[in-house]
């Protein structure tokens, strides 16, 4: 396995297929012996020859074995840790500003893409709402959540409604959704809208449409799911220079859903987790590795941060950077 380690480390460092002669200069083995071992590793699915040259590159399975069993992770120098700490040490910064700083740091230090998910939304229990008519087809929504928190929104309707119509709609919503989580209600509203239309219950349709509009305003205020920095850094890596693959990857960054699903899988772990190539289960990331770590405050996991880069990344350096940044971000959020 020492030969596999040497080959992977050299490929990560140089980005070119590694041949037996190059490895023979690093190891006390003859080129012929190295060729035989490389052939065995290729048969095991750990190496592949990308073209007609004699050089080999690691497969996803080869990287996985390297990361799990052969990698020697380097500790960050104290000066590097202090630099990261100073960047995040701002008691006056808002939560979103700290997350932006963290994603920017990950990008700057690794020269790859840095991602930080927003803290998990706390549950918001819906208690009560009222609709009050205003002029110009406008309705004031008075929304009570949790115990006594009151939120006001103005929504626009397609026609004017009388006070009695609005009261009837509010009574229906209070009876149907009172006590439920606000974000779960939004999913139920969409289903309810279709069901109400099928029953041709105009009052229910009106009530649900107005509630959906009111709750959407509340939800949209915190609907930025992650902070991304440095995605254009990925254009600097030769193995990621294919325009179609880059376009798919950038579309994935914009769509967010599948990347968020991947990062959500890391919320239940307390340590660094790594997805290599197709291990992510998401085709636009087939040429990438994702190194993740959760950040937490007082033992409660709030979100995940990650570095996304080519599979040929310096795992020995990226892993401690992600790990330390996650811990420092949690400490910075706790100190606010």
Foldseek 3Di string as FASTA:
>chain_A
DVLLLVQLVVCLVPVDFDALVNVVVVDVDDSVVSLVVVVVCVVVVQWDDPDDDRGIYGDLVVLVCCVPPPDDFDADDPVVLVVLLVQQQDLPDDLVRSQQSLQAVLCVVFLFKKKWWFFDDDFKFWAFWAWDFDPDQKIWIWTAIDPGDTDIDIDHDPDGDDRVLRRVLRVVCNVPRHGHTLVVVLVVLVVQLVVCVVVVPVSPNVSSVVSNVVSVVVCVVPPPTMHMPNNCSQCVDPVCVPPVLSVVLVVCVVVVPLVVVLFVVQQPDQFKDKQAACSSVDPSLNQKMKIKHFAAAPPHTTIMMIGIYGNSGPCSHSRNSRVSSSDSSRVSVNSD
